[in-house]
Amino acid sequence: MSVREYQKKRRRDRIFQAAMKLFRERGFRETTAADIAKAAHVSRGTFFNYFPYKEAVLLEYGSFLLDLLREEVRRWLAEGQDPLAVLRYVFRELATFTKSEKDLLLPLLYELLNPDPIRARAAFQALPLGDLIAEILKPLQEKRVVRQDLSLERMGRTLADLYFLAALRWAAYTPKRDLEEELDKFLTLALEGMLAREPVQA
């Protein structure tokens, strides 16, 4: 890494850390780009050079957490852990994150539904949960535990959408419910349609 690249990375990290600190202290809506720039000791224009809008900071945060989860998943799959148990663990971890970061979750998830297709695509690319789930399901499809007529991509994205929509509804309307229990029920229901059926005996 060149000196210039190193300086840019440090500046980006400083802006990111300042933004996350302010989001937690003041709230996402109450924090402006000018506030973040001032806390990071950069100009407002510099902030937008690194993050085109405030929600982009949250997307980077979500991407970072997903990368950590992916490392755990790959290690466990390499160790021969049951993929279905790993999948349920992922959903429990998602529930834990969602509950601990509820105030940041809504603007993060709304980016996936942004009417601006460029921003919605950026959110989709930053949060490839469906790809991670497809990776978990792959050994199950190879062993014919899950259906062969559904692609891994479709099953992965379906389960990812299940989490995103359930989490969004929970955060916006039913935060008093047990999210982990809700997600487990939804996952069980969705898997009923994905698991391979035993052939009917004549």
Protein backbone atom coordinates (compact mmCIF):
# COMPACT_ATOMS: atom_id res chain seq x y z
CA MET A 1 0.00 0.00 0.00
CA SER A 2 1.40 3.40 -1.01
CA VAL A 3 1.60 6.30 1.44
CA ARG A 4 -1.30 7.99 -0.36
CA GLU A 5 -3.48 4.88 -0.16
CA TYR A 6 -2.60 4.44 3.51
CA GLN A 7 -3.57 8.04 4.26
CA LYS A 8 -6.87 7.64 2.41
CA LYS A 9 -7.64 4.47 4.32
CA ARG A 10 -6.89 6.14 7.66
CA ARG A 11 -9.05 9.12 6.73
CA ARG A 12 -11.93 6.85 5.70
CA ASP A 13 -11.61 4.87 8.95
CA ARG A 14 -11.62 8.11 10.95
CA ILE A 15 -14.76 9.34 9.22
CA PHE A 16 -16.43 5.96 9.72
CA GLN A 17 -15.61 5.83 13.44
CA ALA A 18 -16.74 9.43 13.99
CA ALA A 19 -20.03 8.76 12.19
CA MET A 20 -20.82 5.59 14.13
CA LYS A 21 -20.05 7.32 17.43
CA LEU A 22 -22.39 10.18 16.60
CA PHE A 23 -25.13 7.87 15.34
CA ARG A 24 -25.11 6.08 18.69
CA GLU A 25 -24.88 9.23 20.79
CA ARG A 26 -27.30 11.52 18.92
CA GLY A 27 -29.27 9.17 16.74
CA PHE A 28 -29.01 8.58 13.01
CA ARG A 29 -31.63 11.11 11.91
CA GLU A 30 -30.26 13.82 14.18
CA THR A 31 -26.70 13.47 12.90
CA THR A 32 -25.79 15.48 9.80
CA ALA A 33 -22.94 15.08 7.34
CA ALA A 34 -21.55 18.37 8.68
CA ASP A 35 -21.57 16.93 12.22
CA ILE A 36 -19.63 13.89 11.07
CA ALA A 37 -17.13 15.95 9.10
CA LYS A 38 -16.48 18.21 12.08
CA ALA A 39 -15.99 15.24 14.44
CA ALA A 40 -13.61 13.58 11.95
CA HIS A 41 -11.69 16.84 11.33
CA VAL A 42 -12.41 16.89 7.62
CA SER A 43 -14.50 19.09 5.35
CA ARG A 44 -18.09 18.26 4.50
CA GLY A 45 -16.99 17.72 0.90
CA THR A 46 -14.37 15.23 2.04
CA PHE A 47 -17.04 13.26 3.87
CA PHE A 48 -19.04 12.96 0.63
CA ASN A 49 -15.90 11.92 -1.26
CA TYR A 50 -15.76 8.80 0.92
CA PHE A 51 -19.46 8.26 1.64
CA PRO A 52 -21.98 9.63 -0.89
CA TYR A 53 -24.76 9.66 1.75
CA LYS A 54 -25.09 8.93 5.47
CA GLU A 55 -26.61 5.50 4.95
CA ALA A 56 -23.45 4.42 3.13
CA VAL A 57 -21.69 4.47 6.51
CA LEU A 58 -24.25 1.99 7.84
CA LEU A 59 -23.81 -0.20 4.77
CA GLU A 60 -20.10 -0.38 5.47
CA TYR A 61 -20.86 -1.34 9.07
CA GLY A 62 -23.28 -4.06 7.98
CA SER A 63 -20.76 -5.35 5.44
CA PHE A 64 -18.08 -5.53 8.13
CA LEU A 65 -20.33 -7.56 10.45
CA LEU A 66 -21.32 -9.87 7.62
CA ASP A 67 -17.65 -10.49 6.80
CA LEU A 68 -17.03 -11.54 10.41
CA LEU A 69 -20.01 -13.89 10.29
CA ARG A 70 -18.80 -15.35 6.98
CA GLU A 71 -15.42 -16.19 8.52
CA GLU A 72 -17.13 -18.12 11.32
CA VAL A 73 -19.42 -19.94 8.92
CA ARG A 74 -16.60 -21.04 6.63
CA ARG A 75 -14.55 -22.29 9.56
CA TRP A 76 -17.42 -24.36 10.92
CA LEU A 77 -18.33 -25.80 7.53
CA ALA A 78 -14.67 -26.73 6.99
CA GLU A 79 -14.75 -28.49 10.37
CA GLY A 80 -17.72 -30.56 9.23
CA GLN A 81 -20.43 -28.88 11.30
CA ASP A 82 -24.04 -29.63 10.31
CA PRO A 83 -24.98 -26.91 7.78
CA LEU A 84 -28.55 -26.69 9.14
CA ALA A 85 -27.17 -26.05 12.63
CA VAL A 86 -24.84 -23.41 11.16
CA LEU A 87 -27.79 -21.79 9.38
CA ARG A 88 -29.78 -21.60 12.60
CA TYR A 89 -26.74 -20.12 14.33
CA VAL A 90 -26.54 -17.43 11.63
CA PHE A 91 -30.16 -16.49 12.22
CA ARG A 92 -29.58 -16.32 15.99
CA GLU A 93 -26.60 -14.04 15.42
CA LEU A 94 -28.68 -11.88 13.08
CA ALA A 95 -31.34 -11.61 15.79
CA THR A 96 -28.72 -10.61 18.37
CA PHE A 97 -27.30 -7.92 16.08
CA THR A 98 -30.75 -6.65 15.19
CA LYS A 99 -31.79 -6.28 18.82
CA SER A 100 -28.55 -4.59 19.85
CA GLU A 101 -28.56 -2.15 16.92
CA LYS A 102 -32.30 -1.54 16.48
CA ASP A 103 -31.94 2.23 16.12
CA LEU A 104 -29.47 1.83 13.27
CA LEU A 105 -31.24 -1.11 11.68
CA LEU A 106 -34.21 0.75 10.18
CA PRO A 107 -32.22 3.19 8.02
CA LEU A 108 -29.89 0.34 7.07
CA LEU A 109 -32.67 -1.96 5.90
CA TYR A 110 -34.60 0.85 4.23
CA GLU A 111 -31.65 1.20 1.86
CA LEU A 112 -32.52 -2.22 0.46
CA LEU A 113 -35.94 -0.82 -0.40
CA ASN A 114 -34.70 2.56 -1.62
CA PRO A 115 -36.67 3.76 -4.68
CA ASP A 116 -33.39 4.95 -6.17
CA PRO A 117 -32.18 1.81 -8.02
CA ILE A 118 -28.52 2.84 -7.73
CA ARG A 119 -28.74 3.10 -3.95
CA ALA A 120 -30.81 -0.08 -3.65
CA ARG A 121 -28.21 -1.96 -5.72
CA ALA A 122 -25.39 -0.57 -3.57
CA ALA A 123 -27.19 -1.85 -0.47
CA PHE A 124 -27.78 -5.25 -2.04
CA GLN A 125 -24.10 -5.55 -2.98
CA ALA A 126 -22.92 -4.39 0.47
CA LEU A 127 -25.13 -6.91 2.28
CA PRO A 128 -24.87 -10.20 0.33
CA LEU A 129 -26.54 -12.28 3.03
CA GLY A 130 -28.18 -14.43 0.38
CA ASP A 131 -24.78 -15.48 -0.95
CA LEU A 132 -23.65 -16.51 2.52
CA ILE A 133 -26.79 -18.57 3.07
CA ALA A 134 -26.36 -20.20 -0.35
CA GLU A 135 -22.83 -21.16 0.71
CA ILE A 136 -24.28 -22.88 3.78
CA LEU A 137 -26.92 -24.68 1.73
CA LYS A 138 -24.48 -25.91 -0.94
CA PRO A 139 -23.30 -29.07 0.90
CA LEU A 140 -26.94 -29.86 1.70
CA GLN A 141 -27.88 -29.68 -1.96
CA GLU A 142 -24.89 -31.81 -2.89
CA LYS A 143 -26.18 -34.46 -0.46
CA ARG A 144 -29.73 -33.99 -1.78
CA VAL A 145 -30.98 -32.83 1.61
CA VAL A 146 -32.51 -29.76 -0.01
CA ARG A 147 -34.45 -29.68 -3.26
CA GLN A 148 -32.59 -29.99 -6.54
CA ASP A 149 -35.14 -28.02 -8.56
CA LEU A 150 -34.40 -24.76 -6.71
CA SER A 151 -31.14 -22.90 -7.29
CA LEU A 152 -28.88 -22.12 -4.36
CA GLU A 153 -29.12 -18.45 -5.31
CA ARG A 154 -32.91 -18.47 -5.12
CA MET A 155 -33.00 -20.32 -1.80
CA GLY A 156 -30.29 -18.11 -0.33
CA ARG A 157 -31.98 -14.89 -1.37
CA THR A 158 -35.36 -16.13 -0.18
CA LEU A 159 -34.02 -16.81 3.33
CA ALA A 160 -32.11 -13.51 3.32
CA ASP A 161 -35.29 -11.65 2.35
CA LEU A 162 -37.09 -13.47 5.14
CA TYR A 163 -34.62 -12.06 7.65
CA PHE A 164 -34.61 -8.54 6.18
CA LEU A 165 -38.39 -8.22 6.12
CA ALA A 166 -38.91 -9.88 9.51
CA ALA A 167 -36.27 -7.64 11.09
CA LEU A 168 -37.71 -4.54 9.49
CA ARG A 169 -41.22 -5.36 10.68
CA TRP A 170 -39.93 -6.19 14.16
CA ALA A 171 -37.95 -2.95 14.49
CA ALA A 172 -40.75 -0.78 13.14
CA TYR A 173 -43.84 -2.37 14.69
CA THR A 174 -43.25 -5.19 17.18
CA PRO A 175 -39.98 -4.59 19.09
CA LYS A 176 -41.42 -6.19 22.24
CA ARG A 177 -41.65 -9.59 20.59
CA ASP A 178 -38.83 -12.13 20.89
CA LEU A 179 -37.07 -11.65 17.55
CA GLU A 180 -34.93 -14.78 17.87
CA GLU A 181 -38.04 -16.90 18.37
CA GLU A 182 -39.81 -15.17 15.48
CA LEU A 183 -36.90 -15.74 13.10
CA ASP A 184 -36.58 -19.37 14.15
CA LYS A 185 -40.26 -19.97 13.37
CA PHE A 186 -39.96 -18.26 9.98
CA LEU A 187 -36.80 -20.20 9.15
CA THR A 188 -38.43 -23.51 10.09
CA LEU A 189 -41.44 -22.68 7.92
CA ALA A 190 -39.28 -21.67 4.95
CA LEU A 191 -37.11 -24.79 5.23
CA GLU A 192 -40.22 -26.95 5.05
CA GLY A 193 -40.51 -25.84 1.44
CA MET A 194 -36.81 -26.28 0.67
CA LEU A 195 -35.98 -29.64 2.20
CA ALA A 196 -36.12 -32.61 -0.15
CA ARG A 197 -39.11 -34.88 0.19
CA GLU A 198 -38.79 -38.63 0.57
CA PRO A 199 -40.37 -40.45 -2.39
CA VAL A 200 -43.83 -41.74 -1.61
CA GLN A 201 -43.87 -45.52 -1.28
CA ALA A 202 -46.35 -47.29 -3.57
